Amino acid sequence: MTTTTIAGHEVEVNEEGFLTQPDQWSEDLAPELAKLIGIDPLTDKHWELIRFLRTDHAAMGETATLRRVSTQTGTAVKDLFVLFPGKPAKKMAYVSGLPKPKGCV
């Protein structure tokens, strides 16, 4: 684990840059994390998904899969790929300050 500073906040991250302590995340970190992976700006739809992931993680104890995000938010998987290009589940978790979903490489 490494400590780094993002948006003026000291946070602990793993070797891939994911926050290791979800409680260190705040909404002012999300835009900075998004910029680090090429997503700028965050739209209202991004925020809807980020807030869903945070709430779902608190309730379920794990990061939601792409399928769960799609079915629970009514967002088509193809739209998730547009909002978070390449690896949407991994990128949504990263911006949300959560661990990668299980099965995500």
PDB file of N, CA and C in Angstrom:
ATOM      1  N   MET A   1       0.826  -1.182   0.000  1.00  0.00           N
ATOM      2  CA  MET A   1       0.000   0.000   0.000  1.00  0.00           C
ATOM      3  C   MET A   1       0.871   1.247   0.000  1.00  0.00           C
ATOM      4  N   THR A   2       0.384   2.240  -0.690  1.00  0.00           N
ATOM      5  CA  THR A   2       1.095   3.502  -0.816  1.00  0.00           C
ATOM      6  C   THR A   2       0.160   4.629  -0.422  1.00  0.00           C
ATOM      7  N   THR A   3       0.719   5.661   0.166  1.00  0.00           N
ATOM      8  CA  THR A   3      -0.058   6.864   0.453  1.00  0.00           C
ATOM      9  C   THR A   3       0.269   7.893  -0.609  1.00  0.00           C
ATOM     10  N   THR A   4      -0.773   8.515  -1.149  1.00  0.00           N
ATOM     11  CA  THR A   4      -0.596   9.544  -2.166  1.00  0.00           C
ATOM     12  C   THR A   4      -1.557  10.693  -1.883  1.00  0.00           C
ATOM     13  N   THR A   5      -1.345  11.813  -2.538  1.00  0.00           N
ATOM     14  CA  THR A   5      -2.229  12.963  -2.364  1.00  0.00           C
ATOM     15  C   THR A   5      -2.992  13.203  -3.659  1.00  0.00           C
ATOM     16  N   ILE A   6      -4.309  13.236  -3.549  1.00  0.00           N
ATOM     17  CA  ILE A   6      -5.192  13.506  -4.683  1.00  0.00           C
ATOM     18  C   ILE A   6      -6.168  14.587  -4.247  1.00  0.00           C
ATOM     19  N   ALA A   7      -6.214  15.664  -5.015  1.00  0.00           N
ATOM     20  CA  ALA A   7      -7.117  16.789  -4.723  1.00  0.00           C
ATOM     21  C   ALA A   7      -6.932  17.287  -3.288  1.00  0.00           C
ATOM     22  N   GLY A   8      -5.689  17.279  -2.831  1.00  0.00           N
ATOM     23  CA  GLY A   8      -5.388  17.778  -1.496  1.00  0.00           C
ATOM     24  C   GLY A   8      -5.683  16.812  -0.363  1.00  0.00           C
ATOM     25  N   HIS A   9      -6.082  15.584  -0.689  1.00  0.00           N
ATOM     26  CA  HIS A   9      -6.393  14.574   0.325  1.00  0.00           C
ATOM     27  C   HIS A   9      -5.348  13.473   0.285  1.00  0.00           C
ATOM     28  N   GLU A  10      -4.827  13.103   1.444  1.00  0.00           N
ATOM     29  CA  GLU A  10      -3.939  11.946   1.520  1.00  0.00           C
ATOM     30  C   GLU A  10      -4.804  10.699   1.562  1.00  0.00           C
ATOM     31  N   VAL A  11      -4.535   9.780   0.640  1.00  0.00           N
ATOM     32  CA  VAL A  11      -5.302   8.540   0.561  1.00  0.00           C
ATOM     33  C   VAL A  11      -4.352   7.364   0.376  1.00  0.00           C
ATOM     34  N   GLU A  12      -4.797   6.199   0.826  1.00  0.00           N
ATOM     35  CA  GLU A  12      -4.028   4.974   0.631  1.00  0.00           C
ATOM     36  C   GLU A  12      -4.523   4.293  -0.635  1.00  0.00           C
ATOM     37  N   VAL A  13      -3.578   3.893  -1.482  1.00  0.00           N
ATOM     38  CA  VAL A  13      -3.927   3.228  -2.737  1.00  0.00           C
ATOM     39  C   VAL A  13      -3.142   1.931  -2.877  1.00  0.00           C
ATOM     40  N   ASN A  14      -3.686   1.020  -3.689  1.00  0.00           N
ATOM     41  CA  ASN A  14      -2.968  -0.224  -3.967  1.00  0.00           C
ATOM     42  C   ASN A  14      -2.080  -0.040  -5.190  1.00  0.00           C
ATOM     43  N   GLU A  15      -1.497  -1.133  -5.662  1.00  0.00           N
ATOM     44  CA  GLU A  15      -0.551  -1.052  -6.778  1.00  0.00           C
ATOM     45  C   GLU A  15      -1.200  -0.591  -8.080  1.00  0.00           C
ATOM     46  N   GLU A  16      -2.529  -0.687  -8.181  1.00  0.00           N
ATOM     47  CA  GLU A  16      -3.232  -0.222  -9.383  1.00  0.00           C
ATOM     48  C   GLU A  16      -3.803   1.187  -9.218  1.00  0.00           C
ATOM     49  N   GLY A  17      -3.617   1.776  -8.044  1.00  0.00           N
ATOM     50  CA  GLY A  17      -4.112   3.124  -7.806  1.00  0.00           C
ATOM     51  C   GLY A  17      -5.501   3.197  -7.203  1.00  0.00           C
ATOM     52  N   PHE A  18      -6.122   2.042  -6.922  1.00  0.00           N
ATOM     53  CA  PHE A  18      -7.441   2.030  -6.298  1.00  0.00           C
ATOM     54  C   PHE A  18      -7.319   2.389  -4.824  1.00  0.00           C
ATOM     55  N   LEU A  19      -8.245   3.205  -4.332  1.00  0.00           N
ATOM     56  CA  LEU A  19      -8.270   3.509  -2.909  1.00  0.00           C
ATOM     57  C   LEU A  19      -8.472   2.209  -2.135  1.00  0.00           C
ATOM     58  N   THR A  20      -7.717   2.029  -1.066  1.00  0.00           N
ATOM     59  CA  THR A  20      -7.858   0.820  -0.260  1.00  0.00           C
ATOM     60  C   THR A  20      -8.822   1.027   0.898  1.00  0.00           C
ATOM     61  N   GLN A  21      -9.146   2.271   1.180  1.00  0.00           N
ATOM     62  CA  GLN A  21     -10.079   2.605   2.250  1.00  0.00           C
ATOM     63  C   GLN A  21     -11.227   3.419   1.646  1.00  0.00           C
ATOM     64  N   PRO A  22     -12.358   2.789   1.325  1.00  0.00           N
ATOM     65  CA  PRO A  22     -13.455   3.520   0.694  1.00  0.00           C
ATOM     66  C   PRO A  22     -13.927   4.740   1.486  1.00  0.00           C
ATOM     67  N   ASP A  23     -13.715   4.723   2.801  1.00  0.00           N
ATOM     68  CA  ASP A  23     -14.145   5.875   3.603  1.00  0.00           C
ATOM     69  C   ASP A  23     -13.237   7.088   3.425  1.00  0.00           C
ATOM     70  N   GLN A  24     -12.110   6.936   2.731  1.00  0.00           N
ATOM     71  CA  GLN A  24     -11.245   8.083   2.434  1.00  0.00           C
ATOM     72  C   GLN A  24     -11.737   8.852   1.209  1.00  0.00           C
ATOM     73  N   TRP A  25     -12.683   8.287   0.484  1.00  0.00           N
ATOM     74  CA  TRP A  25     -13.230   8.909  -0.722  1.00  0.00           C
ATOM     75  C   TRP A  25     -14.176  10.048  -0.350  1.00  0.00           C
ATOM     76  N   SER A  26     -14.216  11.060  -1.194  1.00  0.00           N
ATOM     77  CA  SER A  26     -15.208  12.127  -1.069  1.00  0.00           C
ATOM     78  C   SER A  26     -15.567  12.586  -2.470  1.00  0.00           C
ATOM     79  N   GLU A  27     -16.667  13.301  -2.592  1.00  0.00           N
ATOM     80  CA  GLU A  27     -17.121  13.720  -3.918  1.00  0.00           C
ATOM     81  C   GLU A  27     -16.129  14.642  -4.617  1.00  0.00           C
ATOM     82  N   ASP A  28     -15.301  15.351  -3.878  1.00  0.00           N
ATOM     83  CA  ASP A  28     -14.312  16.201  -4.554  1.00  0.00           C
ATOM     84  C   ASP A  28     -13.131  15.395  -5.097  1.00  0.00           C
ATOM     85  N   LEU A  29     -12.988  14.140  -4.660  1.00  0.00           N
ATOM     86  CA  LEU A  29     -11.948  13.269  -5.228  1.00  0.00           C
ATOM     87  C   LEU A  29     -12.363  12.698  -6.579  1.00  0.00           C
ATOM     88  N   ALA A  30     -13.644  12.450  -6.759  1.00  0.00           N
ATOM     89  CA  ALA A  30     -14.122  11.771  -7.968  1.00  0.00           C
ATOM     90  C   ALA A  30     -13.685  12.447  -9.266  1.00  0.00           C
ATOM     91  N   PRO A  31     -13.851  13.770  -9.422  1.00  0.00           N
ATOM     92  CA  PRO A  31     -13.418  14.386 -10.684  1.00  0.00           C
ATOM     93  C   PRO A  31     -11.918  14.230 -10.933  1.00  0.00           C
ATOM     94  N   GLU A  32     -11.130  14.271  -9.868  1.00  0.00           N
ATOM     95  CA  GLU A  32      -9.678  14.116 -10.020  1.00  0.00           C
ATOM     96  C   GLU A  32      -9.325  12.683 -10.404  1.00  0.00           C
ATOM     97  N   LEU A  33      -9.981  11.718  -9.767  1.00  0.00           N
ATOM     98  CA  LEU A  33      -9.754  10.317 -10.125  1.00  0.00           C
ATOM     99  C   LEU A  33     -10.177  10.073 -11.573  1.00  0.00           C
ATOM    100  N   ALA A  34     -11.299  10.659 -11.968  1.00  0.00           N
ATOM    101  CA  ALA A  34     -11.788  10.498 -13.343  1.00  0.00           C
ATOM    102  C   ALA A  34     -10.790  11.063 -14.349  1.00  0.00           C
ATOM    103  N   LYS A  35     -10.241  12.224 -14.050  1.00  0.00           N
ATOM    104  CA  LYS A  35      -9.259  12.833 -14.956  1.00  0.00           C
ATOM    105  C   LYS A  35      -8.042  11.928 -15.136  1.00  0.00           C
ATOM    106  N   LEU A  36      -7.642  11.250 -14.067  1.00  0.00           N
ATOM    107  CA  LEU A  36      -6.477  10.362 -14.137  1.00  0.00           C
ATOM    108  C   LEU A  36      -6.676   9.206 -15.113  1.00  0.00           C
ATOM    109  N   ILE A  37      -7.934   8.871 -15.396  1.00  0.00           N
ATOM    110  CA  ILE A  37      -8.204   7.781 -16.342  1.00  0.00           C
ATOM    111  C   ILE A  37      -8.872   8.300 -17.617  1.00  0.00           C
ATOM    112  N   GLY A  38      -8.778   9.602 -17.848  1.00  0.00           N
ATOM    113  CA  GLY A  38      -9.232  10.171 -19.112  1.00  0.00           C
ATOM    114  C   GLY A  38     -10.706  10.492 -19.218  1.00  0.00           C
ATOM    115  N   ILE A  39     -11.395  10.589 -18.095  1.00  0.00           N
ATOM    116  CA  ILE A  39     -12.814  10.950 -18.114  1.00  0.00           C
ATOM    117  C   ILE A  39     -12.955  12.353 -17.541  1.00  0.00           C
ATOM    118  N   ASP A  40     -13.385  13.283 -18.382  1.00  0.00           N
ATOM    119  CA  ASP A  40     -13.515  14.681 -17.954  1.00  0.00           C
ATOM    120  C   ASP A  40     -14.411  15.410 -18.938  1.00  0.00           C
ATOM    121  N   PRO A  41     -15.462  16.023 -18.484  1.00  0.00           N
ATOM    122  CA  PRO A  41     -15.910  16.150 -17.098  1.00  0.00           C
ATOM    123  C   PRO A  41     -16.836  14.994 -16.708  1.00  0.00           C
ATOM    124  N   LEU A  42     -17.169  14.936 -15.417  1.00  0.00           N
ATOM    125  CA  LEU A  42     -18.177  13.996 -14.948  1.00  0.00           C
ATOM    126  C   LEU A  42     -19.549  14.627 -15.186  1.00  0.00           C
ATOM    127  N   THR A  43     -20.415  13.888 -15.855  1.00  0.00           N
ATOM    128  CA  THR A  43     -21.767  14.371 -16.142  1.00  0.00           C
ATOM    129  C   THR A  43     -22.721  13.952 -15.018  1.00  0.00           C
ATOM    130  N   ASP A  44     -23.956  14.423 -15.107  1.00  0.00           N
ATOM    131  CA  ASP A  44     -24.965  14.008 -14.133  1.00  0.00           C
ATOM    132  C   ASP A  44     -25.147  12.491 -14.144  1.00  0.00           C
ATOM    133  N   LYS A  45     -25.059  11.880 -15.319  1.00  0.00           N
ATOM    134  CA  LYS A  45     -25.212  10.420 -15.412  1.00  0.00           C
ATOM    135  C   LYS A  45     -24.039   9.714 -14.733  1.00  0.00           C
ATOM    136  N   HIS A  46     -22.822  10.231 -14.909  1.00  0.00           N
ATOM    137  CA  HIS A  46     -21.674   9.671 -14.181  1.00  0.00           C
ATOM    138  C   HIS A  46     -21.959   9.701 -12.679  1.00  0.00           C
ATOM    139  N   TRP A  47     -22.414  10.856 -12.194  1.00  0.00           N
ATOM    140  CA  TRP A  47     -22.671  11.018 -10.761  1.00  0.00           C
ATOM    141  C   TRP A  47     -23.762  10.068 -10.275  1.00  0.00           C
ATOM    142  N   GLU A  48     -24.796   9.871 -11.085  1.00  0.00           N
ATOM    143  CA  GLU A  48     -25.856   8.930 -10.714  1.00  0.00           C
ATOM    144  C   GLU A  48     -25.266   7.540 -10.493  1.00  0.00           C
ATOM    145  N   LEU A  49     -24.401   7.119 -11.397  1.00  0.00           N
ATOM    146  CA  LEU A  49     -23.786   5.797 -11.299  1.00  0.00           C
ATOM    147  C   LEU A  49     -22.808   5.713 -10.133  1.00  0.00           C
ATOM    148  N   ILE A  50     -22.015   6.746  -9.929  1.00  0.00           N
ATOM    149  CA  ILE A  50     -21.068   6.781  -8.808  1.00  0.00           C
ATOM    150  C   ILE A  50     -21.819   6.673  -7.486  1.00  0.00           C
ATOM    151  N   ARG A  51     -22.892   7.443  -7.357  1.00  0.00           N
ATOM    152  CA  ARG A  51     -23.666   7.413  -6.102  1.00  0.00           C
ATOM    153  C   ARG A  51     -24.344   6.058  -5.909  1.00  0.00           C
ATOM    154  N   PHE A  52     -24.818   5.465  -7.000  1.00  0.00           N
ATOM    155  CA  PHE A  52     -25.391   4.120  -6.893  1.00  0.00           C
ATOM    156  C   PHE A  52     -24.333   3.144  -6.380  1.00  0.00           C
ATOM    157  N   LEU A  53     -23.151   3.169  -6.987  1.00  0.00           N
ATOM    158  CA  LEU A  53     -22.085   2.254  -6.581  1.00  0.00           C
ATOM    159  C   LEU A  53     -21.732   2.419  -5.107  1.00  0.00           C
ATOM    160  N   ARG A  54     -21.629   3.650  -4.653  1.00  0.00           N
ATOM    161  CA  ARG A  54     -21.286   3.906  -3.247  1.00  0.00           C
ATOM    162  C   ARG A  54     -22.372   3.362  -2.314  1.00  0.00           C
ATOM    163  N   THR A  55     -23.627   3.632  -2.647  1.00  0.00           N
ATOM    164  CA  THR A  55     -24.744   3.172  -1.820  1.00  0.00           C
ATOM    165  C   THR A  55     -24.842   1.649  -1.834  1.00  0.00           C
ATOM    166  N   ASP A  56     -24.701   1.063  -3.014  1.00  0.00           N
ATOM    167  CA  ASP A  56     -24.781  -0.384  -3.155  1.00  0.00           C
ATOM    168  C   ASP A  56     -23.639  -1.069  -2.402  1.00  0.00           C
ATOM    169  N   HIS A  57     -22.445  -0.508  -2.489  1.00  0.00           N
ATOM    170  CA  HIS A  57     -21.296  -1.082  -1.780  1.00  0.00           C
ATOM    171  C   HIS A  57     -21.535  -1.058  -0.272  1.00  0.00           C
ATOM    172  N   ALA A  58     -22.075   0.042   0.228  1.00  0.00           N
ATOM    173  CA  ALA A  58     -22.351   0.143   1.665  1.00  0.00           C
ATOM    174  C   ALA A  58     -23.379  -0.908   2.097  1.00  0.00           C
ATOM    175  N   ALA A  59     -24.354  -1.186   1.245  1.00  0.00           N
ATOM    176  CA  ALA A  59     -25.401  -2.145   1.582  1.00  0.00           C
ATOM    177  C   ALA A  59     -24.968  -3.594   1.377  1.00  0.00           C
ATOM    178  N   MET A  60     -24.211  -3.856   0.313  1.00  0.00           N
ATOM    179  CA  MET A  60     -23.884  -5.228  -0.068  1.00  0.00           C
ATOM    180  C   MET A  60     -22.505  -5.697   0.399  1.00  0.00           C
ATOM    181  N   GLY A  61     -21.613  -4.754   0.695  1.00  0.00           N
ATOM    182  CA  GLY A  61     -20.283  -5.122   1.158  1.00  0.00           C
ATOM    183  C   GLY A  61     -19.304  -5.473   0.061  1.00  0.00           C
ATOM    184  N   GLU A  62     -19.707  -5.299  -1.188  1.00  0.00           N
ATOM    185  CA  GLU A  62     -18.809  -5.531  -2.312  1.00  0.00           C
ATOM    186  C   GLU A  62     -19.196  -4.597  -3.449  1.00  0.00           C
ATOM    187  N   THR A  63     -18.289  -4.436  -4.395  1.00  0.00           N
ATOM    188  CA  THR A  63     -18.530  -3.545  -5.522  1.00  0.00           C
ATOM    189  C   THR A  63     -19.445  -4.227  -6.532  1.00  0.00           C
ATOM    190  N   ALA A  64     -20.454  -3.504  -6.977  1.00  0.00           N
ATOM    191  CA  ALA A  64     -21.424  -4.043  -7.931  1.00  0.00           C
ATOM    192  C   ALA A  64     -20.763  -4.404  -9.259  1.00  0.00           C
ATOM    193  N   THR A  65     -21.233  -5.483  -9.852  1.00  0.00           N
ATOM    194  CA  THR A  65     -20.778  -5.886 -11.181  1.00  0.00           C
ATOM    195  C   THR A  65     -21.437  -5.000 -12.233  1.00  0.00           C
ATOM    196  N   LEU A  66     -20.926  -5.070 -13.438  1.00  0.00           N
ATOM    197  CA  LEU A  66     -21.482  -4.307 -14.549  1.00  0.00           C
ATOM    198  C   LEU A  66     -22.962  -4.646 -14.743  1.00  0.00           C
ATOM    199  N   ARG A  67     -23.279  -5.916 -14.693  1.00  0.00           N
ATOM    200  CA  ARG A  67     -24.672  -6.347 -14.858  1.00  0.00           C
ATOM    201  C   ARG A  67     -25.566  -5.761 -13.771  1.00  0.00           C
ATOM    202  N   ARG A  68     -25.094  -5.778 -12.537  1.00  0.00           N
ATOM    203  CA  ARG A  68     -25.896  -5.234 -11.436  1.00  0.00           C
ATOM    204  C   ARG A  68     -26.109  -3.734 -11.616  1.00  0.00           C
ATOM    205  N   VAL A  69     -25.075  -3.018 -11.981  1.00  0.00           N
ATOM    206  CA  VAL A  69     -25.209  -1.575 -12.208  1.00  0.00           C
ATOM    207  C   VAL A  69     -26.241  -1.329 -13.299  1.00  0.00           C
ATOM    208  N   SER A  70     -26.147  -2.080 -14.381  1.00  0.00           N
ATOM    209  CA  SER A  70     -27.066  -1.904 -15.504  1.00  0.00           C
ATOM    210  C   SER A  70     -28.510  -2.177 -15.097  1.00  0.00           C
ATOM    211  N   THR A  71     -28.753  -3.307 -14.449  1.00  0.00           N
ATOM    212  CA  THR A  71     -30.129  -3.662 -14.103  1.00  0.00           C
ATOM    213  C   THR A  71     -30.700  -2.768 -13.009  1.00  0.00           C
ATOM    214  N   GLN A  72     -29.903  -2.413 -12.035  1.00  0.00           N
ATOM    215  CA  GLN A  72     -30.408  -1.615 -10.921  1.00  0.00           C
ATOM    216  C   GLN A  72     -30.609  -0.142 -11.267  1.00  0.00           C
ATOM    217  N   THR A  73     -29.834   0.365 -12.214  1.00  0.00           N
ATOM    218  CA  THR A  73     -29.963   1.785 -12.577  1.00  0.00           C
ATOM    219  C   THR A  73     -30.748   1.991 -13.866  1.00  0.00           C
ATOM    220  N   GLY A  74     -31.023   0.904 -14.592  1.00  0.00           N
ATOM    221  CA  GLY A  74     -31.719   1.036 -15.864  1.00  0.00           C
ATOM    222  C   GLY A  74     -30.846   1.615 -16.966  1.00  0.00           C
ATOM    223  N   THR A  75     -29.538   1.527 -16.790  1.00  0.00           N
ATOM    224  CA  THR A  75     -28.588   2.040 -17.777  1.00  0.00           C
ATOM    225  C   THR A  75     -28.109   0.883 -18.647  1.00  0.00           C
ATOM    226  N   ALA A  76     -28.275   1.016 -19.946  1.00  0.00           N
ATOM    227  CA  ALA A  76     -27.841  -0.044 -20.860  1.00  0.00           C
ATOM    228  C   ALA A  76     -26.332  -0.244 -20.754  1.00  0.00           C
ATOM    229  N   VAL A  77     -25.901  -1.488 -20.872  1.00  0.00           N
ATOM    230  CA  VAL A  77     -24.471  -1.800 -20.797  1.00  0.00           C
ATOM    231  C   VAL A  77     -23.695  -0.997 -21.835  1.00  0.00           C
ATOM    232  N   LYS A  78     -24.248  -0.856 -23.035  1.00  0.00           N
ATOM    233  CA  LYS A  78     -23.544  -0.087 -24.072  1.00  0.00           C
ATOM    234  C   LYS A  78     -23.334   1.357 -23.635  1.00  0.00           C
ATOM    235  N   ASP A  79     -24.272   1.907 -22.867  1.00  0.00           N
ATOM    236  CA  ASP A  79     -24.112   3.275 -22.369  1.00  0.00           C
ATOM    237  C   ASP A  79     -23.034   3.349 -21.288  1.00  0.00           C
ATOM    238  N   LEU A  80     -22.892   2.286 -20.508  1.00  0.00           N
ATOM    239  CA  LEU A  80     -21.825   2.249 -19.504  1.00  0.00           C
ATOM    240  C   LEU A  80     -20.464   2.274 -20.191  1.00  0.00           C
ATOM    241  N   PHE A  81     -20.364   1.604 -21.337  1.00  0.00           N
ATOM    242  CA  PHE A  81     -19.114   1.615 -22.102  1.00  0.00           C
ATOM    243  C   PHE A  81     -18.823   2.990 -22.695  1.00  0.00           C
ATOM    244  N   VAL A  82     -19.861   3.752 -23.004  1.00  0.00           N
ATOM    245  CA  VAL A  82     -19.667   5.113 -23.513  1.00  0.00           C
ATOM    246  C   VAL A  82     -19.207   6.029 -22.377  1.00  0.00           C
ATOM    247  N   LEU A  83     -19.841   5.907 -21.224  1.00  0.00           N
ATOM    248  CA  LEU A  83     -19.515   6.768 -20.084  1.00  0.00           C
ATOM    249  C   LEU A  83     -18.156   6.443 -19.471  1.00  0.00           C
ATOM    250  N   PHE A  84     -17.827   5.152 -19.413  1.00  0.00           N
ATOM    251  CA  PHE A  84     -16.571   4.686 -18.817  1.00  0.00           C
ATOM    252  C   PHE A  84     -15.893   3.761 -19.829  1.00  0.00           C
ATOM    253  N   PRO A  85     -15.273   4.330 -20.873  1.00  0.00           N
ATOM    254  CA  PRO A  85     -14.755   3.548 -22.002  1.00  0.00           C
ATOM    255  C   PRO A  85     -13.730   2.476 -21.606  1.00  0.00           C
ATOM    256  N   GLY A  86     -13.791   1.372 -22.346  1.00  0.00           N
ATOM    257  CA  GLY A  86     -12.801   0.313 -22.171  1.00  0.00           C
ATOM    258  C   GLY A  86     -13.220  -0.731 -21.165  1.00  0.00           C
ATOM    259  N   LYS A  87     -13.090  -0.401 -19.908  1.00  0.00           N
ATOM    260  CA  LYS A  87     -13.425  -1.329 -18.827  1.00  0.00           C
ATOM    261  C   LYS A  87     -14.337  -0.600 -17.839  1.00  0.00           C
ATOM    262  N   PRO A  88     -15.626  -0.497 -18.157  1.00  0.00           N
ATOM    263  CA  PRO A  88     -16.511   0.332 -17.337  1.00  0.00           C
ATOM    264  C   PRO A  88     -16.626  -0.091 -15.876  1.00  0.00           C
ATOM    265  N   ALA A  89     -16.692  -1.375 -15.587  1.00  0.00           N
ATOM    266  CA  ALA A  89     -16.832  -1.801 -14.191  1.00  0.00           C
ATOM    267  C   ALA A  89     -15.618  -1.364 -13.379  1.00  0.00           C
ATOM    268  N   LYS A  90     -14.452  -1.582 -13.939  1.00  0.00           N
ATOM    269  CA  LYS A  90     -13.206  -1.206 -13.265  1.00  0.00           C
ATOM    270  C   LYS A  90     -13.117   0.312 -13.097  1.00  0.00           C
ATOM    271  N   LYS A  91     -13.453   1.056 -14.153  1.00  0.00           N
ATOM    272  CA  LYS A  91     -13.346   2.514 -14.101  1.00  0.00           C
ATOM    273  C   LYS A  91     -14.391   3.129 -13.175  1.00  0.00           C
ATOM    274  N   MET A  92     -15.612   2.577 -13.171  1.00  0.00           N
ATOM    275  CA  MET A  92     -16.633   3.087 -12.246  1.00  0.00           C
ATOM    276  C   MET A  92     -16.187   2.886 -10.805  1.00  0.00           C
ATOM    277  N   ALA A  93     -15.652   1.712 -10.507  1.00  0.00           N
ATOM    278  CA  ALA A  93     -15.180   1.432  -9.152  1.00  0.00           C
ATOM    279  C   ALA A  93     -14.052   2.380  -8.773  1.00  0.00           C
ATOM    280  N   TYR A  94     -13.117   2.589  -9.685  1.00  0.00           N
ATOM    281  CA  TYR A  94     -11.970   3.465  -9.431  1.00  0.00           C
ATOM    282  C   TYR A  94     -12.426   4.881  -9.080  1.00  0.00           C
ATOM    283  N   VAL A  95     -13.288   5.447  -9.908  1.00  0.00           N
ATOM    284  CA  VAL A  95     -13.754   6.825  -9.688  1.00  0.00           C
ATOM    285  C   VAL A  95     -14.599   6.912  -8.419  1.00  0.00           C
ATOM    286  N   SER A  96     -15.276   5.816  -8.078  1.00  0.00           N
ATOM    287  CA  SER A  96     -16.124   5.778  -6.887  1.00  0.00           C
ATOM    288  C   SER A  96     -15.346   5.482  -5.612  1.00  0.00           C
ATOM    289  N   GLY A  97     -14.041   5.244  -5.733  1.00  0.00           N
ATOM    290  CA  GLY A  97     -13.216   4.965  -4.563  1.00  0.00           C
ATOM    291  C   GLY A  97     -13.457   3.599  -3.961  1.00  0.00           C
ATOM    292  N   LEU A  98     -13.847   2.648  -4.802  1.00  0.00           N
ATOM    293  CA  LEU A  98     -14.181   1.304  -4.337  1.00  0.00           C
ATOM    294  C   LEU A  98     -13.232   0.269  -4.936  1.00  0.00           C
ATOM    295  N   PRO A  99     -13.185  -0.938  -4.340  1.00  0.00           N
ATOM    296  CA  PRO A  99     -12.362  -2.002  -4.918  1.00  0.00           C
ATOM    297  C   PRO A  99     -12.920  -2.433  -6.271  1.00  0.00           C
ATOM    298  N   LYS A 100     -12.062  -3.014  -7.100  1.00  0.00           N
ATOM    299  CA  LYS A 100     -12.530  -3.576  -8.366  1.00  0.00           C
ATOM    300  C   LYS A 100     -13.582  -4.636  -8.070  1.00  0.00           C
ATOM    301  N   PRO A 101     -14.590  -4.763  -8.938  1.00  0.00           N
ATOM    302  CA  PRO A 101     -15.564  -5.844  -8.752  1.00  0.00           C
ATOM    303  C   PRO A 101     -14.880  -7.202  -8.884  1.00  0.00           C
ATOM    304  N   LYS A 102     -15.436  -8.207  -8.229  1.00  0.00           N
ATOM    305  CA  LYS A 102     -14.893  -9.561  -8.341  1.00  0.00           C
ATOM    306  C   LYS A 102     -14.930  -9.992  -9.793  1.00  0.00           C
ATOM    307  N   GLY A 103     -13.889 -10.641 -10.240  1.00  0.00           N
ATOM    308  CA  GLY A 103     -13.809 -11.116 -11.609  1.00  0.00           C
ATOM    309  C   GLY A 103     -13.265 -10.082 -12.574  1.00  0.00           C
ATOM    310  N   CYS A 104     -12.987  -8.885 -12.101  1.00  0.00           N
ATOM    311  CA  CYS A 104     -12.462  -7.815 -12.951  1.00  0.00           C
ATOM    312  C   CYS A 104     -10.941  -7.915 -12.958  1.00  0.00           C
ATOM    313  N   VAL A 105     -10.352  -7.932 -14.155  1.00  0.00           N
ATOM    314  CA  VAL A 105      -8.894  -8.034 -14.249  1.00  0.00           C
ATOM    315  C   VAL A 105      -8.250  -6.686 -14.454  1.00  0.00           C
TER     316      VAL A 105
END
